[in-house]
């Protein structure tokens, strides 16, 4: 069960908690939202990182395997504004 989602818009230098949507089931995706206010012209590296109720944290590096199973690593998304 996901208990916390933190989001960074500066490549992981600072983190902010997201608002979590309702938990549908223990095996379902859980929606979350956050508002980021960038400058007029910006280049952001957005990264979301989840933590479970038991304290397990989403990996930041992908563990390679031949079939791609269990690939749940947090990955940055580059966003250019302006």
PDB file of N, CA and C in Angstrom:
ATOM      1  N   UNK A   1       0.846  -1.183   0.000  1.00  0.00           N
ATOM      2  CA  UNK A   1       0.000   0.000   0.000  1.00  0.00           C
ATOM      3  C   UNK A   1       0.888   1.241   0.000  1.00  0.00           C
ATOM      4  N   UNK A   2       0.643   2.148  -0.921  1.00  0.00           N
ATOM      5  CA  UNK A   2       1.404   3.393  -1.011  1.00  0.00           C
ATOM      6  C   UNK A   2       0.876   4.378   0.028  1.00  0.00           C
ATOM      7  N   UNK A   3       1.788   4.893   0.850  1.00  0.00           N
ATOM      8  CA  UNK A   3       1.424   5.842   1.901  1.00  0.00           C
ATOM      9  C   UNK A   3       1.943   7.246   1.637  1.00  0.00           C
ATOM     10  N   UNK A   4       2.947   7.361   0.763  1.00  0.00           N
ATOM     11  CA  UNK A   4       3.578   8.656   0.528  1.00  0.00           C
ATOM     12  C   UNK A   4       4.136   8.702  -0.887  1.00  0.00           C
ATOM     13  N   UNK A   5       3.888   9.790  -1.577  1.00  0.00           N
ATOM     14  CA  UNK A   5       4.539  10.071  -2.858  1.00  0.00           C
ATOM     15  C   UNK A   5       5.189  11.439  -2.719  1.00  0.00           C
ATOM     16  N   UNK A   6       6.482  11.488  -3.014  1.00  0.00           N
ATOM     17  CA  UNK A   6       7.214  12.748  -2.978  1.00  0.00           C
ATOM     18  C   UNK A   6       7.653  13.083  -4.395  1.00  0.00           C
ATOM     19  N   UNK A   7       7.640  14.363  -4.726  1.00  0.00           N
ATOM     20  CA  UNK A   7       7.956  14.798  -6.080  1.00  0.00           C
ATOM     21  C   UNK A   7       9.045  15.865  -6.030  1.00  0.00           C
ATOM     22  N   UNK A   8       9.992  15.735  -6.939  1.00  0.00           N
ATOM     23  CA  UNK A   8      11.053  16.729  -7.098  1.00  0.00           C
ATOM     24  C   UNK A   8      10.959  17.305  -8.504  1.00  0.00           C
ATOM     25  N   UNK A   9      11.159  18.612  -8.621  1.00  0.00           N
ATOM     26  CA  UNK A   9      11.194  19.235  -9.948  1.00  0.00           C
ATOM     27  C   UNK A   9      12.584  19.788 -10.251  1.00  0.00           C
ATOM     28  N   UNK A  10      13.558  19.434  -9.390  1.00  0.00           N
ATOM     29  CA  UNK A  10      14.922  19.938  -9.563  1.00  0.00           C
ATOM     30  C   UNK A  10      15.960  18.819  -9.477  1.00  0.00           C
ATOM     31  N   UNK A  11      15.657  17.714 -10.130  1.00  0.00           N
ATOM     32  CA  UNK A  11      16.574  16.558 -10.209  1.00  0.00           C
ATOM     33  C   UNK A  11      16.869  15.914  -8.862  1.00  0.00           C
ATOM     34  N   UNK A  12      15.956  16.031  -7.905  1.00  0.00           N
ATOM     35  CA  UNK A  12      16.123  15.357  -6.626  1.00  0.00           C
ATOM     36  C   UNK A  12      16.780  16.180  -5.535  1.00  0.00           C
ATOM     37  N   UNK A  13      17.020  17.472  -5.769  1.00  0.00           N
ATOM     38  CA  UNK A  13      17.626  18.315  -4.729  1.00  0.00           C
ATOM     39  C   UNK A  13      16.636  18.644  -3.619  1.00  0.00           C
ATOM     40  N   UNK A  14      15.374  18.853  -3.979  1.00  0.00           N
ATOM     41  CA  UNK A  14      14.345  19.104  -2.970  1.00  0.00           C
ATOM     42  C   UNK A  14      13.118  18.254  -3.301  1.00  0.00           C
ATOM     43  N   UNK A  15      12.390  17.874  -2.253  1.00  0.00           N
ATOM     44  CA  UNK A  15      11.240  16.983  -2.407  1.00  0.00           C
ATOM     45  C   UNK A  15      10.015  17.590  -1.738  1.00  0.00           C
ATOM     46  N   UNK A  16       8.833  17.347  -2.345  1.00  0.00           N
ATOM     47  CA  UNK A  16       7.581  17.875  -1.820  1.00  0.00           C
ATOM     48  C   UNK A  16       6.540  16.758  -1.831  1.00  0.00           C
ATOM     49  N   UNK A  17       5.750  16.625  -0.755  1.00  0.00           N
ATOM     50  CA  UNK A  17       4.739  15.561  -0.718  1.00  0.00           C
ATOM     51  C   UNK A  17       3.587  15.848  -1.674  1.00  0.00           C
ATOM     52  N   UNK A  18       3.129  14.813  -2.341  1.00  0.00           N
ATOM     53  CA  UNK A  18       1.968  14.914  -3.229  1.00  0.00           C
ATOM     54  C   UNK A  18       0.710  14.568  -2.441  1.00  0.00           C
ATOM     55  N   UNK A  19      -0.433  15.012  -2.937  1.00  0.00           N
ATOM     56  CA  UNK A  19      -1.722  14.634  -2.354  1.00  0.00           C
ATOM     57  C   UNK A  19      -2.138  13.306  -2.967  1.00  0.00           C
ATOM     58  N   UNK A  20      -2.463  12.342  -2.112  1.00  0.00           N
ATOM     59  CA  UNK A  20      -2.842  11.012  -2.587  1.00  0.00           C
ATOM     60  C   UNK A  20      -4.345  10.905  -2.780  1.00  0.00           C
ATOM     61  N   UNK A  21      -4.735  10.221  -3.850  1.00  0.00           N
ATOM     62  CA  UNK A  21      -6.133   9.909  -4.081  1.00  0.00           C
ATOM     63  C   UNK A  21      -6.531   8.711  -3.229  1.00  0.00           C
ATOM     64  N   UNK A  22      -7.785   8.293  -3.311  1.00  0.00           N
ATOM     65  CA  UNK A  22      -8.243   7.161  -2.506  1.00  0.00           C
ATOM     66  C   UNK A  22      -7.560   5.858  -2.907  1.00  0.00           C
ATOM     67  N   UNK A  23      -7.406   4.984  -1.931  1.00  0.00           N
ATOM     68  CA  UNK A  23      -6.837   3.663  -2.197  1.00  0.00           C
ATOM     69  C   UNK A  23      -7.962   2.752  -2.685  1.00  0.00           C
ATOM     70  N   UNK A  24      -7.846   2.261  -3.918  1.00  0.00           N
ATOM     71  CA  UNK A  24      -8.879   1.416  -4.516  1.00  0.00           C
ATOM     72  C   UNK A  24      -8.736  -0.018  -4.020  1.00  0.00           C
ATOM     73  N   UNK A  25      -7.513  -0.537  -4.046  1.00  0.00           N
ATOM     74  CA  UNK A  25      -7.205  -1.856  -3.496  1.00  0.00           C
ATOM     75  C   UNK A  25      -5.700  -1.916  -3.277  1.00  0.00           C
ATOM     76  N   UNK A  26      -5.251  -2.942  -2.587  1.00  0.00           N
ATOM     77  CA  UNK A  26      -3.820  -3.036  -2.285  1.00  0.00           C
ATOM     78  C   UNK A  26      -2.977  -3.365  -3.514  1.00  0.00           C
ATOM     79  N   UNK A  27      -3.602  -3.771  -4.617  1.00  0.00           N
ATOM     80  CA  UNK A  27      -2.849  -4.127  -5.827  1.00  0.00           C
ATOM     81  C   UNK A  27      -3.155  -3.201  -7.004  1.00  0.00           C
ATOM     82  N   UNK A  28      -3.761  -2.050  -6.729  1.00  0.00           N
ATOM     83  CA  UNK A  28      -4.130  -1.125  -7.803  1.00  0.00           C
ATOM     84  C   UNK A  28      -3.230   0.102  -7.791  1.00  0.00           C
ATOM     85  N   UNK A  29      -3.169   0.788  -8.928  1.00  0.00           N
ATOM     86  CA  UNK A  29      -2.481   2.071  -8.996  1.00  0.00           C
ATOM     87  C   UNK A  29      -3.160   3.031  -8.028  1.00  0.00           C
ATOM     88  N   UNK A  30      -2.404   3.975  -7.496  1.00  0.00           N
ATOM     89  CA  UNK A  30      -2.987   5.003  -6.634  1.00  0.00           C
ATOM     90  C   UNK A  30      -2.683   6.372  -7.231  1.00  0.00           C
ATOM     91  N   UNK A  31      -3.734   7.117  -7.525  1.00  0.00           N
ATOM     92  CA  UNK A  31      -3.563   8.449  -8.097  1.00  0.00           C
ATOM     93  C   UNK A  31      -2.938   9.395  -7.084  1.00  0.00           C
ATOM     94  N   UNK A  32      -2.218  10.383  -7.601  1.00  0.00           N
ATOM     95  CA  UNK A  32      -1.676  11.447  -6.764  1.00  0.00           C
ATOM     96  C   UNK A  32      -1.614  12.719  -7.588  1.00  0.00           C
ATOM     97  N   UNK A  33      -1.598  13.857  -6.904  1.00  0.00           N
ATOM     98  CA  UNK A  33      -1.504  15.144  -7.592  1.00  0.00           C
ATOM     99  C   UNK A  33      -0.545  16.060  -6.844  1.00  0.00           C
ATOM    100  N   UNK A  34       0.039  16.978  -7.596  1.00  0.00           N
ATOM    101  CA  UNK A  34       0.887  18.014  -7.010  1.00  0.00           C
ATOM    102  C   UNK A  34       0.886  19.190  -7.980  1.00  0.00           C
ATOM    103  N   UNK A  35       1.019  20.386  -7.455  1.00  0.00           N
ATOM    104  CA  UNK A  35       1.127  21.582  -8.285  1.00  0.00           C
ATOM    105  C   UNK A  35       2.567  22.065  -8.255  1.00  0.00           C
ATOM    106  N   UNK A  36       3.138  22.234  -9.435  1.00  0.00           N
ATOM    107  CA  UNK A  36       4.501  22.751  -9.569  1.00  0.00           C
ATOM    108  C   UNK A  36       4.398  24.074 -10.312  1.00  0.00           C
ATOM    109  N   UNK A  37       5.000  25.111  -9.757  1.00  0.00           N
ATOM    110  CA  UNK A  37       4.953  26.426 -10.386  1.00  0.00           C
ATOM    111  C   UNK A  37       6.339  26.790 -10.916  1.00  0.00           C
ATOM    112  N   UNK A  38       6.584  26.494 -12.182  1.00  0.00           N
ATOM    113  CA  UNK A  38       7.892  26.793 -12.762  1.00  0.00           C
ATOM    114  C   UNK A  38       7.997  28.269 -13.146  1.00  0.00           C
ATOM    115  N   UNK A  39       9.207  28.691 -13.451  1.00  0.00           N
ATOM    116  CA  UNK A  39       9.404  30.039 -13.963  1.00  0.00           C
ATOM    117  C   UNK A  39       8.834  30.155 -15.366  1.00  0.00           C
ATOM    118  N   UNK A  40       8.849  31.366 -15.895  1.00  0.00           N
ATOM    119  CA  UNK A  40       8.294  31.614 -17.228  1.00  0.00           C
ATOM    120  C   UNK A  40       8.980  30.761 -18.288  1.00  0.00           C
ATOM    121  N   UNK A  41      10.288  30.680 -18.212  1.00  0.00           N
ATOM    122  CA  UNK A  41      11.060  29.812 -19.110  1.00  0.00           C
ATOM    123  C   UNK A  41      11.868  28.890 -18.208  1.00  0.00           C
ATOM    124  N   UNK A  42      11.595  27.618 -18.280  1.00  0.00           N
ATOM    125  CA  UNK A  42      12.244  26.675 -17.374  1.00  0.00           C
ATOM    126  C   UNK A  42      12.525  25.355 -18.060  1.00  0.00           C
ATOM    127  N   UNK A  43      13.496  24.659 -17.542  1.00  0.00           N
ATOM    128  CA  UNK A  43      13.730  23.259 -17.890  1.00  0.00           C
ATOM    129  C   UNK A  43      13.747  22.502 -16.572  1.00  0.00           C
ATOM    130  N   UNK A  44      12.810  21.583 -16.418  1.00  0.00           N
ATOM    131  CA  UNK A  44      12.656  20.851 -15.169  1.00  0.00           C
ATOM    132  C   UNK A  44      12.984  19.381 -15.369  1.00  0.00           C
ATOM    133  N   UNK A  45      13.444  18.759 -14.304  1.00  0.00           N
ATOM    134  CA  UNK A  45      13.599  17.311 -14.273  1.00  0.00           C
ATOM    135  C   UNK A  45      12.698  16.818 -13.148  1.00  0.00           C
ATOM    136  N   UNK A  46      11.532  16.292 -13.512  1.00  0.00           N
ATOM    137  CA  UNK A  46      10.527  15.893 -12.526  1.00  0.00           C
ATOM    138  C   UNK A  46      10.688  14.413 -12.205  1.00  0.00           C
ATOM    139  N   UNK A  47      10.691  14.119 -10.910  1.00  0.00           N
ATOM    140  CA  UNK A  47      10.880  12.753 -10.437  1.00  0.00           C
ATOM    141  C   UNK A  47       9.900  12.498  -9.301  1.00  0.00           C
ATOM    142  N   UNK A  48       9.147  11.406  -9.379  1.00  0.00           N
ATOM    143  CA  UNK A  48       8.217  11.015  -8.320  1.00  0.00           C
ATOM    144  C   UNK A  48       8.740   9.745  -7.663  1.00  0.00           C
ATOM    145  N   UNK A  49       8.602   9.669  -6.340  1.00  0.00           N
ATOM    146  CA  UNK A  49       9.196   8.603  -5.550  1.00  0.00           C
ATOM    147  C   UNK A  49       8.171   8.142  -4.519  1.00  0.00           C
ATOM    148  N   UNK A  50       7.834   6.860  -4.509  1.00  0.00           N
ATOM    149  CA  UNK A  50       6.789   6.335  -3.626  1.00  0.00           C
ATOM    150  C   UNK A  50       7.370   5.552  -2.453  1.00  0.00           C
ATOM    151  N   UNK A  51       6.649   5.612  -1.318  1.00  0.00           N
ATOM    152  CA  UNK A  51       7.004   4.854  -0.120  1.00  0.00           C
ATOM    153  C   UNK A  51       5.751   4.134   0.374  1.00  0.00           C
ATOM    154  N   UNK A  52       5.905   2.863   0.762  1.00  0.00           N
ATOM    155  CA  UNK A  52       4.767   2.091   1.264  1.00  0.00           C
ATOM    156  C   UNK A  52       4.548   2.347   2.751  1.00  0.00           C
ATOM    157  N   UNK A  53       3.428   1.858   3.261  1.00  0.00           N
ATOM    158  CA  UNK A  53       3.111   1.967   4.682  1.00  0.00           C
ATOM    159  C   UNK A  53       4.149   1.247   5.536  1.00  0.00           C
ATOM    160  N   UNK A  54       4.803   0.231   4.956  1.00  0.00           N
ATOM    161  CA  UNK A  54       5.824  -0.535   5.678  1.00  0.00           C
ATOM    162  C   UNK A  54       7.209   0.103   5.581  1.00  0.00           C
ATOM    163  N   UNK A  55       7.321   1.230   4.870  1.00  0.00           N
ATOM    164  CA  UNK A  55       8.602   1.917   4.738  1.00  0.00           C
ATOM    165  C   UNK A  55       9.439   1.482   3.549  1.00  0.00           C
ATOM    166  N   UNK A  56       8.904   0.592   2.708  1.00  0.00           N
ATOM    167  CA  UNK A  56       9.644   0.191   1.503  1.00  0.00           C
ATOM    168  C   UNK A  56       9.623   1.342   0.519  1.00  0.00           C
ATOM    169  N   UNK A  57      10.778   1.602  -0.109  1.00  0.00           N
ATOM    170  CA  UNK A  57      10.867   2.723  -1.032  1.00  0.00           C
ATOM    171  C   UNK A  57      11.076   2.251  -2.458  1.00  0.00           C
ATOM    172  N   UNK A  58      10.488   2.991  -3.373  1.00  0.00           N
ATOM    173  CA  UNK A  58      10.631   2.694  -4.794  1.00  0.00           C
ATOM    174  C   UNK A  58      12.104   2.812  -5.173  1.00  0.00           C
ATOM    175  N   UNK A  59      12.622   1.861  -5.942  1.00  0.00           N
ATOM    176  CA  UNK A  59      14.034   1.948  -6.335  1.00  0.00           C
ATOM    177  C   UNK A  59      14.282   3.134  -7.262  1.00  0.00           C
ATOM    178  N   UNK A  60      15.473   3.693  -7.166  1.00  0.00           N
ATOM    179  CA  UNK A  60      15.836   4.802  -8.050  1.00  0.00           C
ATOM    180  C   UNK A  60      16.635   4.319  -9.252  1.00  0.00           C
ATOM    181  N   UNK A  61      17.076   3.079  -9.211  1.00  0.00           N
ATOM    182  CA  UNK A  61      17.797   2.493 -10.342  1.00  0.00           C
ATOM    183  C   UNK A  61      17.098   1.212 -10.769  1.00  0.00           C
ATOM    184  N   UNK A  62      16.972   1.043 -12.067  1.00  0.00           N
ATOM    185  CA  UNK A  62      16.333  -0.155 -12.608  1.00  0.00           C
ATOM    186  C   UNK A  62      17.264  -1.353 -12.461  1.00  0.00           C
ATOM    187  N   UNK A  63      16.724  -2.443 -11.950  1.00  0.00           N
ATOM    188  CA  UNK A  63      17.464  -3.703 -11.892  1.00  0.00           C
ATOM    189  C   UNK A  63      17.165  -4.434 -13.193  1.00  0.00           C
ATOM    190  N   UNK A  64      18.182  -4.629 -14.005  1.00  0.00           N
ATOM    191  CA  UNK A  64      17.982  -5.218 -15.316  1.00  0.00           C
ATOM    192  C   UNK A  64      17.651  -6.699 -15.198  1.00  0.00           C
ATOM    193  N   UNK A  65      16.700  -7.138 -16.001  1.00  0.00           N
ATOM    194  CA  UNK A  65      16.467  -8.563 -16.196  1.00  0.00           C
ATOM    195  C   UNK A  65      15.986  -8.752 -17.629  1.00  0.00           C
ATOM    196  N   UNK A  66      16.233  -9.917 -18.153  1.00  0.00           N
ATOM    197  CA  UNK A  66      16.022 -10.202 -19.570  1.00  0.00           C
ATOM    198  C   UNK A  66      14.609  -9.911 -20.069  1.00  0.00           C
ATOM    199  N   UNK A  67      13.611 -10.170 -19.256  1.00  0.00           N
ATOM    200  CA  UNK A  67      12.229 -10.012 -19.703  1.00  0.00           C
ATOM    201  C   UNK A  67      11.595  -8.688 -19.274  1.00  0.00           C
ATOM    202  N   UNK A  68      12.312  -7.898 -18.494  1.00  0.00           N
ATOM    203  CA  UNK A  68      11.793  -6.602 -18.086  1.00  0.00           C
ATOM    204  C   UNK A  68      10.779  -6.644 -16.958  1.00  0.00           C
ATOM    205  N   UNK A  69      10.645  -7.777 -16.275  1.00  0.00           N
ATOM    206  CA  UNK A  69       9.684  -7.894 -15.183  1.00  0.00           C
ATOM    207  C   UNK A  69      10.087  -7.034 -13.990  1.00  0.00           C
ATOM    208  N   UNK A  70       9.084  -6.629 -13.215  1.00  0.00           N
ATOM    209  CA  UNK A  70       9.281  -5.897 -11.966  1.00  0.00           C
ATOM    210  C   UNK A  70      10.074  -4.612 -12.165  1.00  0.00           C
ATOM    211  N   UNK A  71       9.863  -3.964 -13.288  1.00  0.00           N
ATOM    212  CA  UNK A  71      10.544  -2.705 -13.557  1.00  0.00           C
ATOM    213  C   UNK A  71       9.711  -1.571 -12.978  1.00  0.00           C
ATOM    214  N   UNK A  72      10.005  -1.188 -11.750  1.00  0.00           N
ATOM    215  CA  UNK A  72       9.231  -0.133 -11.100  1.00  0.00           C
ATOM    216  C   UNK A  72      10.118   1.005 -10.598  1.00  0.00           C
ATOM    217  N   UNK A  73      11.269   1.176 -11.223  1.00  0.00           N
ATOM    218  CA  UNK A  73      12.189   2.228 -10.797  1.00  0.00           C
ATOM    219  C   UNK A  73      11.615   3.611 -11.096  1.00  0.00           C
ATOM    220  N   UNK A  74      11.901   4.561 -10.207  1.00  0.00           N
ATOM    221  CA  UNK A  74      11.521   5.956 -10.435  1.00  0.00           C
ATOM    222  C   UNK A  74      12.405   6.519 -11.540  1.00  0.00           C
ATOM    223  N   UNK A  75      11.786   7.168 -12.514  1.00  0.00           N
ATOM    224  CA  UNK A  75      12.542   7.715 -13.648  1.00  0.00           C
ATOM    225  C   UNK A  75      12.227   9.194 -13.818  1.00  0.00           C
ATOM    226  N   UNK A  76      13.247  10.003 -14.041  1.00  0.00           N
ATOM    227  CA  UNK A  76      12.994  11.434 -14.235  1.00  0.00           C
ATOM    228  C   UNK A  76      12.341  11.715 -15.584  1.00  0.00           C
ATOM    229  N   UNK A  77      11.533  12.767 -15.621  1.00  0.00           N
ATOM    230  CA  UNK A  77      10.921  13.224 -16.865  1.00  0.00           C
ATOM    231  C   UNK A  77      11.349  14.669 -17.090  1.00  0.00           C
ATOM    232  N   UNK A  78      11.946  14.918 -18.226  1.00  0.00           N
ATOM    233  CA  UNK A  78      12.414  16.262 -18.567  1.00  0.00           C
ATOM    234  C   UNK A  78      11.270  17.052 -19.193  1.00  0.00           C
ATOM    235  N   UNK A  79      11.050  18.267 -18.670  1.00  0.00           N
ATOM    236  CA  UNK A  79       9.990  19.138 -19.157  1.00  0.00           C
ATOM    237  C   UNK A  79      10.602  20.499 -19.478  1.00  0.00           C
ATOM    238  N   UNK A  80      10.355  20.991 -20.688  1.00  0.00           N
ATOM    239  CA  UNK A  80      10.856  22.302 -21.096  1.00  0.00           C
ATOM    240  C   UNK A  80       9.666  23.237 -21.270  1.00  0.00           C
ATOM    241  N   UNK A  81       9.728  24.403 -20.627  1.00  0.00           N
ATOM    242  CA  UNK A  81       8.651  25.389 -20.686  1.00  0.00           C
ATOM    243  C   UNK A  81       9.198  26.660 -21.328  1.00  0.00           C
ATOM    244  N   UNK A  82       8.470  27.164 -22.306  1.00  0.00           N
ATOM    245  CA  UNK A  82       8.870  28.436 -22.914  1.00  0.00           C
ATOM    246  C   UNK A  82       9.530  28.304 -24.197  1.00  0.00           C
TER     247      UNK A  82
END
